[in-house]
Amino acid sequence: MSELRGIYALWLREVKRYSRERTRLVSSLAQPLLWLVIFGTGLGSAIGIPGLNYQQFIFPGIIGQTMLFTAMFMGISVIWDKQFGFMKEILVAPVSRVSIFMGKVVGVATDSLIQGIIIFAFGFLLAAPLHLSLELSMFFKSLPIMVIIAIGLVCIGLTLASLMNNLENFGAIMTFVNLPMFFLSGALFPVTRIPEWLKWAFYVNPLTYGVDSLRSIMLGSGWASILPIYYEVSIIIAFDIVMVMVGTYAFSRTQ
């Protein structure tokens, strides 16, 4: 029971910290909306996908981008906790480090999921001017996939943060990880537009299967997915399990 209380306490702390930082919340929403409105409108005609509305095509990718950037950046909370001494306090608490790590994962994943839900809500609001075809059933079908996407991405950010003590180094590593994962996930263009020698990076990127699963739900029969959606969901879940194990090990070695 104490382990569950520890996980709950850390989850609540992360959610409260997120909800109180309204400036960061607004700024983190501005970038994906700019991608959707400006990039989608301005360059959609040049990059256009035959038979598909380009903004409808990139919308699942923008949701994935939002969750990716939020999940990765929120890993910085581990470094802040180290620098301000809070990490020492929770490490000596009568709670296992596995529970501490899982509390962080669930808390940050909740923050990332909220960001994705907000972008989804904006999609409904902007559906007419952006020519998006969205239904409420798509949201409910997408929600479980967004949850498992968030867990894996959060584990990456927390694992890297647990190995670092410097904010500047973490920022540089995040940029190095975030941008390739985003651009090589099929968020902005299909895999057919990627050179053959680079396609391996597309297929080993876990975000690829998350974005493709969301796109399959939102485009339906109008989209030829990489794999059947149940295979893609299985790959994401397997990735989550591996990353939870890796992250728990890395976090257990935190001093």
C-alpha atoms as a PDB file:
ATOM      1  CA  MET A   1       0.000   0.000   0.000  1.00  0.00           C
ATOM      2  CA  SER A   2       2.873   2.400   0.784  1.00  0.00           C
ATOM      3  CA  GLU A   3       4.254   1.773  -2.713  1.00  0.00           C
ATOM      4  CA  LEU A   4       0.926   2.781  -4.279  1.00  0.00           C
ATOM      5  CA  ARG A   5       0.760   5.887  -2.085  1.00  0.00           C
ATOM      6  CA  GLY A   6       4.271   6.790  -3.196  1.00  0.00           C
ATOM      7  CA  ILE A   7       3.353   6.416  -6.868  1.00  0.00           C
ATOM      8  CA  TYR A   8       0.195   8.465  -6.331  1.00  0.00           C
ATOM      9  CA  ALA A   9       2.082  11.225  -4.489  1.00  0.00           C
ATOM     10  CA  LEU A  10       4.643  11.572  -7.283  1.00  0.00           C
ATOM     11  CA  TRP A  11       1.919  11.468  -9.940  1.00  0.00           C
ATOM     12  CA  LEU A  12      -0.007  14.210  -8.143  1.00  0.00           C
ATOM     13  CA  ARG A  13       3.128  16.344  -7.771  1.00  0.00           C
ATOM     14  CA  GLU A  14       3.910  16.162 -11.496  1.00  0.00           C
ATOM     15  CA  VAL A  15       0.329  16.978 -12.495  1.00  0.00           C
ATOM     16  CA  LYS A  16       0.116  19.931 -10.087  1.00  0.00           C
ATOM     17  CA  ARG A  17       3.464  21.277 -11.277  1.00  0.00           C
ATOM     18  CA  TYR A  18       2.264  21.025 -14.869  1.00  0.00           C
ATOM     19  CA  SER A  19      -1.112  22.692 -14.206  1.00  0.00           C
ATOM     20  CA  ARG A  20       0.478  25.635 -12.379  1.00  0.00           C
ATOM     21  CA  GLU A  21       2.943  26.492 -15.144  1.00  0.00           C
ATOM     22  CA  ARG A  22       0.431  28.077 -17.487  1.00  0.00           C
ATOM     23  CA  THR A  23       3.014  29.982 -19.505  1.00  0.00           C
ATOM     24  CA  ARG A  24       4.750  26.758 -20.492  1.00  0.00           C
ATOM     25  CA  LEU A  25       1.395  25.170 -21.252  1.00  0.00           C
ATOM     26  CA  VAL A  26       0.447  27.964 -23.669  1.00  0.00           C
ATOM     27  CA  SER A  27       3.882  28.077 -25.319  1.00  0.00           C
ATOM     28  CA  SER A  28       3.962  24.305 -25.781  1.00  0.00           C
ATOM     29  CA  LEU A  29       0.628  24.491 -27.611  1.00  0.00           C
ATOM     30  CA  ALA A  30       1.713  27.318 -29.913  1.00  0.00           C
ATOM     31  CA  GLN A  31       4.291  25.297 -31.843  1.00  0.00           C
ATOM     32  CA  PRO A  32       2.052  22.387 -32.918  1.00  0.00           C
ATOM     33  CA  LEU A  33      -0.727  24.783 -33.883  1.00  0.00           C
ATOM     34  CA  LEU A  34       1.726  26.742 -36.018  1.00  0.00           C
ATOM     35  CA  TRP A  35       2.788  23.505 -37.693  1.00  0.00           C
ATOM     36  CA  LEU A  36      -0.817  22.565 -38.358  1.00  0.00           C
ATOM     37  CA  VAL A  37      -2.067  25.963 -39.519  1.00  0.00           C
ATOM     38  CA  ILE A  38       0.931  27.552 -41.238  1.00  0.00           C
ATOM     39  CA  PHE A  39       2.936  24.556 -42.404  1.00  0.00           C
ATOM     40  CA  GLY A  40      -0.154  22.585 -43.313  1.00  0.00           C
ATOM     41  CA  THR A  41      -1.743  25.473 -45.193  1.00  0.00           C
ATOM     42  CA  GLY A  42       1.332  27.060 -46.762  1.00  0.00           C
ATOM     43  CA  LEU A  43       3.227  23.977 -47.867  1.00  0.00           C
ATOM     44  CA  GLY A  44       0.391  21.516 -48.141  1.00  0.00           C
ATOM     45  CA  SER A  45      -0.083  22.234 -51.834  1.00  0.00           C
ATOM     46  CA  ALA A  46       3.610  21.637 -52.521  1.00  0.00           C
ATOM     47  CA  ILE A  47       3.967  18.461 -50.455  1.00  0.00           C
ATOM     48  CA  GLY A  48       0.390  17.302 -51.053  1.00  0.00           C
ATOM     49  CA  ILE A  49      -0.587  13.636 -50.744  1.00  0.00           C
ATOM     50  CA  PRO A  50      -2.640  12.370 -53.712  1.00  0.00           C
ATOM     51  CA  GLY A  51      -6.227  11.705 -52.699  1.00  0.00           C
ATOM     52  CA  LEU A  52      -5.780  13.124 -49.183  1.00  0.00           C
ATOM     53  CA  ASN A  53      -6.198  16.489 -47.522  1.00  0.00           C
ATOM     54  CA  TYR A  54      -2.673  17.313 -46.324  1.00  0.00           C
ATOM     55  CA  GLN A  55      -3.807  18.900 -43.063  1.00  0.00           C
ATOM     56  CA  GLN A  56      -5.869  15.818 -42.292  1.00  0.00           C
ATOM     57  CA  PHE A  57      -2.762  13.768 -43.073  1.00  0.00           C
ATOM     58  CA  ILE A  58      -0.412  15.656 -40.727  1.00  0.00           C
ATOM     59  CA  PHE A  59      -2.903  16.071 -37.858  1.00  0.00           C
ATOM     60  CA  PRO A  60      -2.040  12.683 -36.242  1.00  0.00           C
ATOM     61  CA  GLY A  61       1.634  13.572 -36.659  1.00  0.00           C
ATOM     62  CA  ILE A  62       1.142  16.901 -34.884  1.00  0.00           C
ATOM     63  CA  ILE A  63      -0.495  15.079 -31.969  1.00  0.00           C
ATOM     64  CA  GLY A  64       2.499  12.733 -31.883  1.00  0.00           C
ATOM     65  CA  GLN A  65       4.893  15.687 -32.033  1.00  0.00           C
ATOM     66  CA  THR A  66       3.156  17.415 -29.129  1.00  0.00           C
ATOM     67  CA  MET A  67       3.324  14.337 -26.954  1.00  0.00           C
ATOM     68  CA  LEU A  68       6.936  13.654 -27.948  1.00  0.00           C
ATOM     69  CA  PHE A  69       8.227  17.120 -27.115  1.00  0.00           C
ATOM     70  CA  THR A  70       6.247  17.309 -23.866  1.00  0.00           C
ATOM     71  CA  ALA A  71       7.283  13.847 -22.685  1.00  0.00           C
ATOM     72  CA  MET A  72      10.954  14.394 -23.471  1.00  0.00           C
ATOM     73  CA  PHE A  73      11.154  17.886 -22.033  1.00  0.00           C
ATOM     74  CA  MET A  74       9.390  16.931 -18.821  1.00  0.00           C
ATOM     75  CA  GLY A  75      12.241  14.531 -18.134  1.00  0.00           C
ATOM     76  CA  ILE A  76      14.121  17.647 -17.075  1.00  0.00           C
ATOM     77  CA  SER A  77      12.159  17.494 -13.801  1.00  0.00           C
ATOM     78  CA  VAL A  78      14.531  14.728 -12.676  1.00  0.00           C
ATOM     79  CA  ILE A  79      17.525  17.048 -13.093  1.00  0.00           C
ATOM     80  CA  TRP A  80      15.715  19.885 -11.320  1.00  0.00           C
ATOM     81  CA  ASP A  81      14.941  17.531  -8.444  1.00  0.00           C
ATOM     82  CA  LYS A  82      18.615  16.591  -8.242  1.00  0.00           C
ATOM     83  CA  GLN A  83      19.788  20.201  -8.221  1.00  0.00           C
ATOM     84  CA  PHE A  84      17.256  21.400  -5.644  1.00  0.00           C
ATOM     85  CA  GLY A  85      17.752  18.437  -3.319  1.00  0.00           C
ATOM     86  CA  PHE A  86      14.267  16.954  -3.679  1.00  0.00           C
ATOM     87  CA  MET A  87      15.681  13.813  -5.289  1.00  0.00           C
ATOM     88  CA  LYS A  88      17.678  13.028  -2.137  1.00  0.00           C
ATOM     89  CA  GLU A  89      14.509  13.271  -0.059  1.00  0.00           C
ATOM     90  CA  ILE A  90      12.486  10.868  -2.192  1.00  0.00           C
ATOM     91  CA  LEU A  91      15.377   8.421  -2.577  1.00  0.00           C
ATOM     92  CA  VAL A  92      15.612   7.993   1.213  1.00  0.00           C
ATOM     93  CA  ALA A  93      11.829   7.625   1.547  1.00  0.00           C
ATOM     94  CA  PRO A  94      10.512   4.140   2.443  1.00  0.00           C
ATOM     95  CA  VAL A  95       9.488   3.564  -1.171  1.00  0.00           C
ATOM     96  CA  SER A  96      11.346   1.479  -3.737  1.00  0.00           C
ATOM     97  CA  ARG A  97      13.094   3.187  -6.610  1.00  0.00           C
ATOM     98  CA  VAL A  98      10.906   1.236  -8.998  1.00  0.00           C
ATOM     99  CA  SER A  99       7.843   2.917  -7.473  1.00  0.00           C
ATOM    100  CA  ILE A 100       9.567   6.310  -7.611  1.00  0.00           C
ATOM    101  CA  PHE A 101      10.324   5.828 -11.301  1.00  0.00           C
ATOM    102  CA  MET A 102       6.786   4.601 -12.046  1.00  0.00           C
ATOM    103  CA  GLY A 103       5.315   7.580 -10.193  1.00  0.00           C
ATOM    104  CA  LYS A 104       7.375   9.880 -12.401  1.00  0.00           C
ATOM    105  CA  VAL A 105       6.383   7.952 -15.528  1.00  0.00           C
ATOM    106  CA  VAL A 106       2.659   8.046 -14.773  1.00  0.00           C
ATOM    107  CA  GLY A 107       2.789  11.733 -13.803  1.00  0.00           C
ATOM    108  CA  VAL A 108       4.712  12.946 -16.842  1.00  0.00           C
ATOM    109  CA  ALA A 109       2.737  10.636 -19.156  1.00  0.00           C
ATOM    110  CA  THR A 110      -0.453  12.262 -17.828  1.00  0.00           C
ATOM    111  CA  ASP A 111       0.965  15.699 -18.669  1.00  0.00           C
ATOM    112  CA  SER A 112       1.909  14.536 -22.163  1.00  0.00           C
ATOM    113  CA  LEU A 113      -1.510  12.964 -22.686  1.00  0.00           C
ATOM    114  CA  ILE A 114      -3.252  16.175 -21.631  1.00  0.00           C
ATOM    115  CA  GLN A 115      -1.235  18.079 -24.233  1.00  0.00           C
ATOM    116  CA  GLY A 116      -2.293  15.617 -26.913  1.00  0.00           C
ATOM    117  CA  ILE A 117      -5.943  15.850 -25.862  1.00  0.00           C
ATOM    118  CA  ILE A 118      -5.825  19.651 -26.049  1.00  0.00           C
ATOM    119  CA  ILE A 119      -4.450  19.482 -29.607  1.00  0.00           C
ATOM    120  CA  PHE A 120      -7.241  17.053 -30.461  1.00  0.00           C
ATOM    121  CA  ALA A 121      -9.756  19.562 -29.061  1.00  0.00           C
ATOM    122  CA  PHE A 122      -8.251  22.327 -31.197  1.00  0.00           C
ATOM    123  CA  GLY A 123      -8.623  20.002 -34.174  1.00  0.00           C
ATOM    124  CA  PHE A 124     -12.385  19.894 -33.583  1.00  0.00           C
ATOM    125  CA  LEU A 125     -12.521  23.681 -33.212  1.00  0.00           C
ATOM    126  CA  LEU A 126     -10.513  24.269 -36.396  1.00  0.00           C
ATOM    127  CA  ALA A 127     -12.104  21.438 -38.361  1.00  0.00           C
ATOM    128  CA  ALA A 128     -14.003  23.683 -40.789  1.00  0.00           C
ATOM    129  CA  PRO A 129     -11.249  26.189 -41.767  1.00  0.00           C
ATOM    130  CA  LEU A 130      -8.584  23.466 -41.927  1.00  0.00           C
ATOM    131  CA  HIS A 131     -10.837  20.964 -43.705  1.00  0.00           C
ATOM    132  CA  LEU A 132     -10.359  18.346 -41.012  1.00  0.00           C
ATOM    133  CA  SER A 133     -12.809  15.475 -40.918  1.00  0.00           C
ATOM    134  CA  LEU A 134     -12.985  14.447 -37.257  1.00  0.00           C
ATOM    135  CA  GLU A 135     -15.567  12.528 -35.279  1.00  0.00           C
ATOM    136  CA  LEU A 136     -15.891  12.054 -31.536  1.00  0.00           C
ATOM    137  CA  SER A 137     -15.519   8.287 -31.975  1.00  0.00           C
ATOM    138  CA  MET A 138     -12.032   8.904 -33.418  1.00  0.00           C
ATOM    139  CA  PHE A 139     -10.999  10.587 -30.185  1.00  0.00           C
ATOM    140  CA  PHE A 140     -12.121   7.674 -28.000  1.00  0.00           C
ATOM    141  CA  LYS A 141     -10.432   5.155 -30.301  1.00  0.00           C
ATOM    142  CA  SER A 142      -7.228   7.216 -30.357  1.00  0.00           C
ATOM    143  CA  LEU A 143      -7.039   7.759 -26.586  1.00  0.00           C
ATOM    144  CA  PRO A 144      -5.669   4.287 -25.631  1.00  0.00           C
ATOM    145  CA  ILE A 145      -3.010   4.561 -28.340  1.00  0.00           C
ATOM    146  CA  MET A 146      -2.040   8.029 -27.099  1.00  0.00           C
ATOM    147  CA  VAL A 147      -1.639   6.574 -23.592  1.00  0.00           C
ATOM    148  CA  ILE A 148       0.795   3.855 -24.649  1.00  0.00           C
ATOM    149  CA  ILE A 149       2.689   6.298 -26.889  1.00  0.00           C
ATOM    150  CA  ALA A 150       3.115   8.681 -23.952  1.00  0.00           C
ATOM    151  CA  ILE A 151       4.462   5.981 -21.612  1.00  0.00           C
ATOM    152  CA  GLY A 152       7.266   4.928 -23.955  1.00  0.00           C
ATOM    153  CA  LEU A 153       8.304   8.493 -24.802  1.00  0.00           C
ATOM    154  CA  VAL A 154       8.321   9.517 -21.142  1.00  0.00           C
ATOM    155  CA  CYS A 155      10.558   6.578 -20.285  1.00  0.00           C
ATOM    156  CA  ILE A 156      13.096   7.762 -22.861  1.00  0.00           C
ATOM    157  CA  GLY A 157      13.197  11.267 -21.380  1.00  0.00           C
ATOM    158  CA  LEU A 158      13.381  10.078 -17.759  1.00  0.00           C
ATOM    159  CA  THR A 159      16.066   7.503 -18.576  1.00  0.00           C
ATOM    160  CA  LEU A 160      18.298  10.094 -20.216  1.00  0.00           C
ATOM    161  CA  ALA A 161      17.652  12.596 -17.419  1.00  0.00           C
ATOM    162  CA  SER A 162      18.541  10.049 -14.733  1.00  0.00           C
ATOM    163  CA  LEU A 163      21.976   9.673 -16.336  1.00  0.00           C
ATOM    164  CA  MET A 164      22.687  13.430 -16.368  1.00  0.00           C
ATOM    165  CA  ASN A 165      23.219  16.199 -13.840  1.00  0.00           C
ATOM    166  CA  ASN A 166      23.466  19.188 -16.161  1.00  0.00           C
ATOM    167  CA  LEU A 167      20.523  21.056 -17.703  1.00  0.00           C
ATOM    168  CA  GLU A 168      22.535  22.253 -20.701  1.00  0.00           C
ATOM    169  CA  ASN A 169      23.654  18.745 -21.624  1.00  0.00           C
ATOM    170  CA  PHE A 170      20.106  17.443 -21.281  1.00  0.00           C
ATOM    171  CA  GLY A 171      18.793  20.166 -23.606  1.00  0.00           C
ATOM    172  CA  ALA A 172      21.364  19.303 -26.261  1.00  0.00           C
ATOM    173  CA  ILE A 173      20.601  15.586 -26.049  1.00  0.00           C
ATOM    174  CA  MET A 174      16.856  16.220 -26.233  1.00  0.00           C
ATOM    175  CA  THR A 175      17.255  18.189 -29.448  1.00  0.00           C
ATOM    176  CA  PHE A 176      19.424  15.413 -30.869  1.00  0.00           C
ATOM    177  CA  VAL A 177      16.747  12.814 -30.004  1.00  0.00           C
ATOM    178  CA  ASN A 178      13.515  14.766 -30.591  1.00  0.00           C
ATOM    179  CA  LEU A 179      14.029  16.082 -34.098  1.00  0.00           C
ATOM    180  CA  PRO A 180      15.075  12.793 -35.763  1.00  0.00           C
ATOM    181  CA  MET A 181      12.244  10.951 -34.013  1.00  0.00           C
ATOM    182  CA  PHE A 182       9.741  13.538 -35.213  1.00  0.00           C
ATOM    183  CA  PHE A 183      10.909  13.947 -38.803  1.00  0.00           C
ATOM    184  CA  LEU A 184      11.479  10.195 -39.281  1.00  0.00           C
ATOM    185  CA  SER A 185       8.097   9.157 -37.891  1.00  0.00           C
ATOM    186  CA  GLY A 186       6.048   9.855 -41.009  1.00  0.00           C
ATOM    187  CA  ALA A 187       4.409  12.792 -39.241  1.00  0.00           C
ATOM    188  CA  LEU A 188       4.886  15.182 -42.167  1.00  0.00           C
ATOM    189  CA  PHE A 189       5.321  12.878 -45.156  1.00  0.00           C
ATOM    190  CA  PRO A 190       4.766   9.173 -45.929  1.00  0.00           C
ATOM    191  CA  VAL A 191       7.553   6.626 -45.975  1.00  0.00           C
ATOM    192  CA  THR A 192       7.456   6.544 -49.773  1.00  0.00           C
ATOM    193  CA  ARG A 193       9.039  10.021 -49.779  1.00  0.00           C
ATOM    194  CA  ILE A 194      12.067   8.820 -47.767  1.00  0.00           C
ATOM    195  CA  PRO A 195      15.207   7.624 -49.620  1.00  0.00           C
ATOM    196  CA  GLU A 196      15.786   3.875 -49.504  1.00  0.00           C
ATOM    197  CA  TRP A 197      19.022   4.199 -47.541  1.00  0.00           C
ATOM    198  CA  LEU A 198      17.175   6.055 -44.754  1.00  0.00           C
ATOM    199  CA  LYS A 199      14.080   3.892 -44.452  1.00  0.00           C
ATOM    200  CA  TRP A 200      15.618   1.710 -41.734  1.00  0.00           C
ATOM    201  CA  ALA A 201      15.495   4.725 -39.383  1.00  0.00           C
ATOM    202  CA  PHE A 202      11.815   5.125 -40.166  1.00  0.00           C
ATOM    203  CA  TYR A 203      11.019   1.522 -39.268  1.00  0.00           C
ATOM    204  CA  VAL A 204      13.029   1.382 -36.020  1.00  0.00           C
ATOM    205  CA  ASN A 205      11.457   4.607 -34.754  1.00  0.00           C
ATOM    206  CA  PRO A 206       8.717   3.688 -32.228  1.00  0.00           C
ATOM    207  CA  LEU A 207       6.874   6.955 -32.875  1.00  0.00           C
ATOM    208  CA  THR A 208       6.344   5.805 -36.468  1.00  0.00           C
ATOM    209  CA  TYR A 209       3.902   3.126 -35.351  1.00  0.00           C
ATOM    210  CA  GLY A 210       2.122   5.477 -32.976  1.00  0.00           C
ATOM    211  CA  VAL A 211       1.554   8.097 -35.660  1.00  0.00           C
ATOM    212  CA  ASP A 212       0.557   5.464 -38.202  1.00  0.00           C
ATOM    213  CA  SER A 213      -1.954   3.931 -35.771  1.00  0.00           C
ATOM    214  CA  LEU A 214      -3.546   7.327 -35.119  1.00  0.00           C
ATOM    215  CA  ARG A 215      -3.625   8.003 -38.850  1.00  0.00           C
ATOM    216  CA  SER A 216      -5.326   4.670 -39.527  1.00  0.00           C
ATOM    217  CA  ILE A 217      -8.072   5.619 -37.065  1.00  0.00           C
ATOM    218  CA  MET A 218      -8.566   9.139 -38.446  1.00  0.00           C
ATOM    219  CA  LEU A 219      -8.295   8.337 -42.158  1.00  0.00           C
ATOM    220  CA  GLY A 220      -9.902   4.917 -42.078  1.00  0.00           C
ATOM    221  CA  SER A 221      -9.900   3.093 -45.400  1.00  0.00           C
ATOM    222  CA  GLY A 222      -8.348   6.150 -47.040  1.00  0.00           C
ATOM    223  CA  TRP A 223      -4.967   5.278 -45.525  1.00  0.00           C
ATOM    224  CA  ALA A 224      -2.800   2.237 -46.271  1.00  0.00           C
ATOM    225  CA  SER A 225      -1.043   1.642 -42.954  1.00  0.00           C
ATOM    226  CA  ILE A 226       2.445   0.197 -42.625  1.00  0.00           C
ATOM    227  CA  LEU A 227       1.136  -2.798 -40.668  1.00  0.00           C
ATOM    228  CA  PRO A 228      -2.277  -3.854 -39.366  1.00  0.00           C
ATOM    229  CA  ILE A 229      -3.097  -1.663 -36.386  1.00  0.00           C
ATOM    230  CA  TYR A 230      -2.999  -4.533 -33.870  1.00  0.00           C
ATOM    231  CA  TYR A 231       0.609  -5.267 -34.911  1.00  0.00           C
ATOM    232  CA  GLU A 232       1.524  -1.610 -34.511  1.00  0.00           C
ATOM    233  CA  VAL A 233      -0.088  -1.440 -31.064  1.00  0.00           C
ATOM    234  CA  SER A 234       1.788  -4.604 -30.081  1.00  0.00           C
ATOM    235  CA  ILE A 235       5.081  -3.027 -31.163  1.00  0.00           C
ATOM    236  CA  ILE A 236       4.382   0.096 -29.104  1.00  0.00           C
ATOM    237  CA  ILE A 237       3.468  -1.964 -26.022  1.00  0.00           C
ATOM    238  CA  ALA A 238       6.632  -4.067 -26.412  1.00  0.00           C
ATOM    239  CA  PHE A 239       8.664  -0.864 -26.682  1.00  0.00           C
ATOM    240  CA  ASP A 240       6.988   0.473 -23.516  1.00  0.00           C
ATOM    241  CA  ILE A 241       7.861  -2.685 -21.579  1.00  0.00           C
ATOM    242  CA  VAL A 242      11.497  -2.550 -22.681  1.00  0.00           C
ATOM    243  CA  MET A 243      11.800   1.145 -21.862  1.00  0.00           C
ATOM    244  CA  VAL A 244      10.210   0.723 -18.425  1.00  0.00           C
ATOM    245  CA  MET A 245      12.783  -1.978 -17.661  1.00  0.00           C
ATOM    246  CA  VAL A 246      15.677   0.122 -18.995  1.00  0.00           C
ATOM    247  CA  GLY A 247      14.434   3.252 -17.234  1.00  0.00           C
ATOM    248  CA  THR A 248      13.947   1.448 -13.928  1.00  0.00           C
ATOM    249  CA  TYR A 249      17.491   0.088 -14.097  1.00  0.00           C
ATOM    250  CA  ALA A 250      18.954   3.492 -14.980  1.00  0.00           C
ATOM    251  CA  PHE A 251      16.952   5.226 -12.262  1.00  0.00           C
ATOM    252  CA  SER A 252      17.960   2.623  -9.650  1.00  0.00           C
ATOM    253  CA  ARG A 253      21.578   3.642 -10.230  1.00  0.00           C
ATOM    254  CA  THR A 254      20.873   7.324  -9.582  1.00  0.00           C
ATOM    255  CA  GLN A 255      22.963   8.656  -6.725  1.00  0.00           C
END
